[in-house]
Protein backbone atom coordinates (compact mmCIF):
# COMPACT_ATOMS: atom_id res chain seq x y z
CA MET A 1 114.12 87.24 98.02
CA LEU A 2 114.08 90.40 100.19
CA PRO A 3 111.58 91.58 103.04
CA SER A 4 110.57 95.79 102.24
CA ARG A 5 112.10 96.94 98.54
CA TYR A 6 112.55 99.81 100.63
CA PHE A 7 115.64 100.92 101.11
CA TRP A 8 115.76 102.56 104.47
CA ASP A 9 114.00 98.60 105.96
CA LEU A 10 117.18 97.17 104.54
CA THR A 11 120.97 96.16 106.23
CA GLN A 12 124.13 97.32 104.39
CA PRO A 13 124.71 93.52 103.55
CA GLU A 14 121.21 93.32 102.30
CA ILE A 15 121.49 96.50 99.82
CA ALA A 16 125.25 95.21 98.71
CA ARG A 17 123.83 91.80 96.94
CA GLN A 18 121.18 93.66 95.54
CA LEU A 19 123.24 96.20 94.24
CA ARG A 20 125.17 93.96 92.82
CA GLN A 21 122.62 91.03 91.48
CA ASN A 22 120.22 94.02 89.96
CA PRO A 23 121.81 97.94 89.68
CA LEU A 24 118.48 99.27 89.74
CA VAL A 25 117.37 102.28 91.79
CA ILE A 26 114.12 103.87 92.13
CA PHE A 27 113.83 106.95 93.48
CA PRO A 28 110.33 108.00 94.61
CA ALA A 29 109.31 112.06 94.24
CA GLY A 30 106.15 113.95 95.37
CA SER A 31 104.76 116.75 97.24
CA ILE A 32 103.83 117.40 100.32
CA GLU A 33 100.72 120.40 100.04
CA GLN A 34 97.67 120.42 101.04
CA HIS A 35 94.28 118.00 99.14
CA GLY A 36 91.12 119.46 100.95
CA ASN A 37 89.49 118.24 104.11
CA HIS A 38 89.84 114.31 103.07
CA LEU A 39 92.94 113.78 102.01
CA PRO A 40 96.35 113.51 103.37
CA THR A 41 99.08 116.57 102.37
CA GLY A 42 101.30 113.77 101.66
CA THR A 43 99.63 112.54 99.15
CA ASP A 44 101.76 113.11 96.44
CA THR A 45 104.34 111.87 98.08
CA LEU A 46 102.22 108.77 99.40
CA ALA A 47 101.14 108.03 95.84
CA ALA A 48 105.44 107.75 95.01
CA GLN A 49 106.26 105.85 97.44
CA PHE A 50 103.43 102.81 96.84
CA ILE A 51 103.56 102.97 92.97
CA SER A 52 107.17 102.53 93.77
CA HIS A 53 107.36 99.42 95.68
CA GLU A 54 105.20 97.86 93.47
CA ILE A 55 107.15 98.41 90.99
CA ALA A 56 110.54 97.48 92.52
CA GLU A 57 109.05 94.37 93.05
CA ARG A 58 108.51 93.85 88.94
CA MET A 59 111.91 94.89 88.47
CA ASP A 60 113.53 93.88 90.93
CA GLY A 61 114.82 96.99 92.29
CA LEU A 62 115.27 99.11 95.21
CA VAL A 63 113.69 102.11 96.07
CA LEU A 64 115.53 105.19 97.53
CA PRO A 65 114.26 107.77 100.21
CA GLY A 66 112.86 110.67 98.17
CA THR A 67 112.87 114.14 99.64
CA GLY A 68 109.52 113.19 101.16
CA LEU A 69 108.98 117.15 99.55
CA GLY A 70 108.86 118.90 96.20
CA VAL A 71 108.51 122.23 94.68
CA THR A 72 105.03 123.79 95.06
CA PRO A 73 104.86 128.14 95.98
CA MET A 74 101.51 126.95 94.11
CA HIS A 75 99.70 125.41 97.02
CA MET A 76 102.02 127.66 99.42
CA PRO A 77 98.41 129.97 99.77
CA PHE A 78 96.99 127.32 101.48
CA GLU A 79 98.16 125.89 105.63
CA GLY A 80 100.33 122.45 105.16
CA THR A 81 102.47 122.82 102.57
CA ILE A 82 105.85 122.90 102.14
CA THR A 83 108.00 123.29 98.86
CA LEU A 84 111.54 123.30 98.04
CA THR A 85 113.37 125.86 95.58
CA PRO A 86 114.10 124.15 92.58
CA GLU A 87 118.00 124.23 92.71
CA THR A 88 116.72 122.34 96.51
CA PHE A 89 114.71 120.47 95.23
CA MET A 90 117.60 119.60 92.46
CA ARG A 91 120.37 118.76 94.84
CA VAL A 92 118.37 116.30 96.65
CA VAL A 93 117.08 114.61 94.09
CA THR A 94 120.78 113.89 92.77
CA GLU A 95 122.83 113.50 95.76
CA THR A 96 120.60 110.73 96.85
CA CYS A 97 121.18 108.89 93.37
CA VAL A 98 125.54 109.73 93.33
CA SER A 99 125.25 108.14 96.74
CA THR A 100 124.37 105.43 95.20
CA ALA A 101 125.91 105.24 91.85
CA LYS A 102 128.87 105.27 94.42
CA HIS A 103 127.65 101.75 95.51
CA GLY A 104 126.71 100.24 92.16
CA ALA A 105 123.87 101.50 91.19
CA ARG A 106 123.87 102.15 87.21
CA LYS A 107 119.18 102.70 86.59
CA LEU A 108 118.19 104.68 87.89
CA MET A 109 114.09 105.08 87.82
CA ILE A 110 112.50 108.17 89.07
CA VAL A 111 108.62 107.40 89.64
CA ASN A 112 106.89 111.16 90.48
CA TRP A 113 104.05 111.94 90.84
CA HIS A 114 103.83 115.70 91.66
CA GLU A 115 103.47 117.93 88.30
CA GLY A 116 105.78 121.42 89.92
CA ASN A 117 109.04 118.82 89.59
CA ILE A 118 108.83 117.57 86.27
CA PRO A 119 111.28 121.06 84.76
CA SER A 120 113.43 120.03 88.28
CA LEU A 121 113.76 116.47 87.68
CA ALA A 122 114.67 116.89 84.10
CA ILE A 123 117.57 119.24 85.52
CA ALA A 124 119.15 116.73 87.84
CA ALA A 125 118.09 113.65 85.32
CA GLU A 126 120.22 114.83 82.63
CA ASP A 127 123.35 115.77 85.03
CA LEU A 128 123.14 112.06 87.04
CA HIS A 129 123.10 110.74 83.75
CA ARG A 130 125.98 112.68 81.67
CA ARG A 131 128.12 113.51 84.88
CA HIS A 132 127.84 109.95 86.69
CA GLY A 133 127.31 107.70 84.28
CA MET A 134 123.94 106.43 85.27
CA ALA A 135 121.15 105.22 82.62
CA VAL A 136 118.28 107.26 83.70
CA VAL A 137 113.91 106.91 83.21
CA ILE A 138 111.52 109.54 84.63
CA VAL A 139 108.13 108.29 84.42
CA GLN A 140 105.16 110.73 85.22
CA ALA A 141 103.10 108.00 86.91
CA CYS A 142 100.33 110.35 87.70
CA TYR A 143 99.62 110.45 83.97
CA VAL A 144 99.90 106.66 83.95
CA ALA A 145 96.95 106.77 85.74
CA ALA A 146 95.50 109.71 84.38
CA ASP A 147 95.72 107.48 80.92
CA LEU A 148 94.69 104.15 82.93
CA TYR A 149 91.58 105.21 85.30
CA GLY A 150 90.90 109.11 83.95
CA PRO A 151 88.22 107.88 81.86
CA GLU A 152 86.64 106.20 85.05
CA CYS A 153 87.37 108.29 87.24
CA ASN A 154 86.28 111.88 85.81
CA GLY A 155 90.03 112.52 84.85
CA LEU A 156 93.42 113.80 87.22
CA THR A 157 92.15 116.02 88.99
CA HIS A 158 93.58 117.75 92.61
CA GLY A 159 91.86 115.91 95.37
CA GLY A 160 90.29 113.52 93.00
CA GLU A 161 89.58 110.59 93.08
CA ILE A 162 92.74 108.93 91.63
CA GLU A 163 94.77 110.61 94.52
CA ALA A 164 92.18 108.60 96.52
CA LEU A 165 92.35 105.16 95.74
CA ALA A 166 95.44 106.07 95.68
CA VAL A 167 95.95 106.78 99.15
CA LEU A 168 93.80 104.59 100.01
CA ALA A 169 95.91 101.52 98.32
CA VAL A 170 97.65 101.55 101.13
CA ARG A 171 97.30 103.41 103.68
CA PRO A 172 93.07 103.76 103.88
CA ASP A 173 93.06 104.98 108.07
CA LEU A 174 94.25 108.78 106.44
CA VAL A 175 91.33 108.78 103.54
CA HIS A 176 88.22 110.90 105.13
CA LEU A 177 85.54 111.10 102.21
CA ASP A 178 82.89 111.81 105.28
CA ARG A 179 84.83 115.08 105.32
CA VAL A 180 84.25 115.33 102.06
CA GLU A 181 82.70 119.21 101.13
CA GLN A 182 83.57 122.00 99.04
CA SER A 183 84.39 121.01 95.67
CA SER A 184 85.41 123.84 93.34
CA ASP A 185 84.28 123.63 89.99
CA PRO A 186 84.92 120.91 88.45
CA ARG A 187 84.27 123.06 84.72
CA LEU A 188 87.37 125.71 86.09
CA GLY A 189 89.30 122.79 87.16
CA HIS A 190 89.05 121.00 83.74
CA LYS A 191 89.56 123.92 81.73
CA MET A 192 92.59 125.02 83.61
CA ASP A 193 94.43 121.47 83.71
CA LYS A 194 93.92 120.90 79.87
CA LEU A 195 95.89 124.42 79.30
CA ARG A 196 99.01 123.69 81.02
CA ARG A 197 99.23 120.19 80.19
CA THR A 198 99.36 120.37 76.76
CA ASN A 199 103.03 119.12 74.65
CA ALA A 200 103.26 122.49 72.71
CA TYR A 201 102.07 125.12 74.95
CA GLN A 202 102.59 125.40 79.61
CA PRO A 203 101.82 128.72 81.21
CA ILE A 204 102.71 129.79 84.37
CA LEU A 205 100.40 129.68 87.57
CA THR A 206 100.91 131.25 90.59
CA ASP A 207 98.38 130.15 92.78
CA ILE A 208 96.33 126.99 92.67
CA ARG A 209 93.59 129.23 93.11
CA SER A 210 93.10 129.30 89.46
CA ILE A 211 92.21 126.56 88.37
CA ALA A 212 90.60 125.17 91.81
CA PRO A 213 88.93 128.80 94.36
CA THR A 214 88.78 126.08 97.70
CA GLY A 215 92.02 123.99 96.39
CA TRP A 216 90.82 121.36 95.17
CA TYR A 217 88.69 119.40 92.83
CA GLY A 218 87.01 116.28 91.98
CA THR A 219 84.25 113.43 92.72
CA PRO A 220 86.58 111.29 95.37
CA GLN A 221 83.47 109.98 97.04
CA GLY A 222 83.11 106.98 95.50
CA ALA A 223 86.85 105.57 96.40
CA THR A 224 87.14 102.15 97.89
CA ALA A 225 90.96 100.51 99.14
CA GLU A 226 89.90 97.85 96.32
CA ARG A 227 90.42 99.74 93.87
CA GLY A 228 92.88 101.64 95.39
CA ARG A 229 94.83 98.27 95.09
CA THR A 230 94.21 97.57 91.48
CA MET A 231 94.51 100.84 90.91
CA VAL A 232 98.39 100.60 92.32
CA LYS A 233 99.16 97.65 90.72
CA GLU A 234 97.68 98.84 87.32
CA ILE A 235 99.54 101.42 87.30
CA ALA A 236 103.27 98.89 88.53
CA ASP A 237 102.30 96.70 85.94
CA ALA A 238 102.28 99.21 83.06
CA ILE A 239 104.69 101.37 84.55
CA ALA A 240 107.54 97.64 84.58
CA ALA A 241 106.83 96.50 81.43
CA GLU A 242 107.41 99.85 80.10
CA ALA A 243 110.55 101.16 81.67
CA THR A 244 111.79 97.29 80.83
CA GLU A 245 112.04 97.93 77.31
CA ILE A 246 112.97 101.53 77.62
CA PHE A 247 115.81 100.57 79.88
CA ARG A 248 116.57 97.66 77.33
CA GLN A 249 116.93 100.85 74.24
CA LEU A 250 118.34 102.86 76.60
CA ASP A 251 121.37 99.51 76.19
CA GLU A 252 121.34 99.12 72.73
CA VAL A 253 122.48 103.01 72.29
CA GLN A 254 124.07 103.98 75.59
CA GLY A 255 126.41 100.51 75.97
CA GLY A 256 124.84 98.00 78.58
CA VAL A 257 125.22 97.76 82.23
CA GLY A 258 124.04 94.69 83.39
CA GLU A 259 120.41 93.96 81.91
CA VAL A 260 117.18 94.80 84.41
CA LYS A 261 115.02 91.87 84.92
CA GLN A 262 110.69 91.81 84.67
CA LEU A 263 109.27 89.83 86.83
CA ARG A 264 106.31 88.39 86.91
CA PRO A 265 104.28 90.27 87.87
CA ALA A 266 102.74 90.25 91.77
CA VAL A 267 99.93 88.70 92.72
């Protein structure tokens, strides 16, 4: 039994044994950007890491040390945001995962919680598959959360209830619901988010204030740590079940590289 699924918590022999047992690694992708007065700038990164660890326990994998940073120029008008260029972000993702491939990792899941990372991750994943032989699945965990919890949380909003729940699940000390103020008009936020999340059209926005003039919108006041823990576990259950089946299908069409095991959900 591993003491943790986080790569940085483990010793070299523990990692070597685990990669021999199941060559699955999980790369959490997030960002450092403003989330109003009530959520930490690392909200997206924390959400990706927490969910990745839950998935790793279910699928018997290891969670790689993601960069913590992402591609988020849209949030640069607000202090607290740190953005990488797409080229730098892709290199960090690729070189991190290539290192593990050289040590035996054959299957890679990228768990992303930041929409600005999506184009860069697609390019990096293609390279990791074609040049380095990894079976790769990208999961937009924020959209899985929206599918599961959007109806009861008024959708996936920047700084809203779903994101508050994701942080409350493991780090409630970082959430300050008593500081909630200046939520932008949700009608504008939902309108612009709907516009940029369609399959057919992807308008490019230069500034988060086009969506939310104050930098965030939503209604996180009802979020609790207990609901957050439930949400993260349900997201991990859904992703683990679907990803296990996707990897199985990839094995069939691309050649098997070892079975990814679906474990019973963590209690």
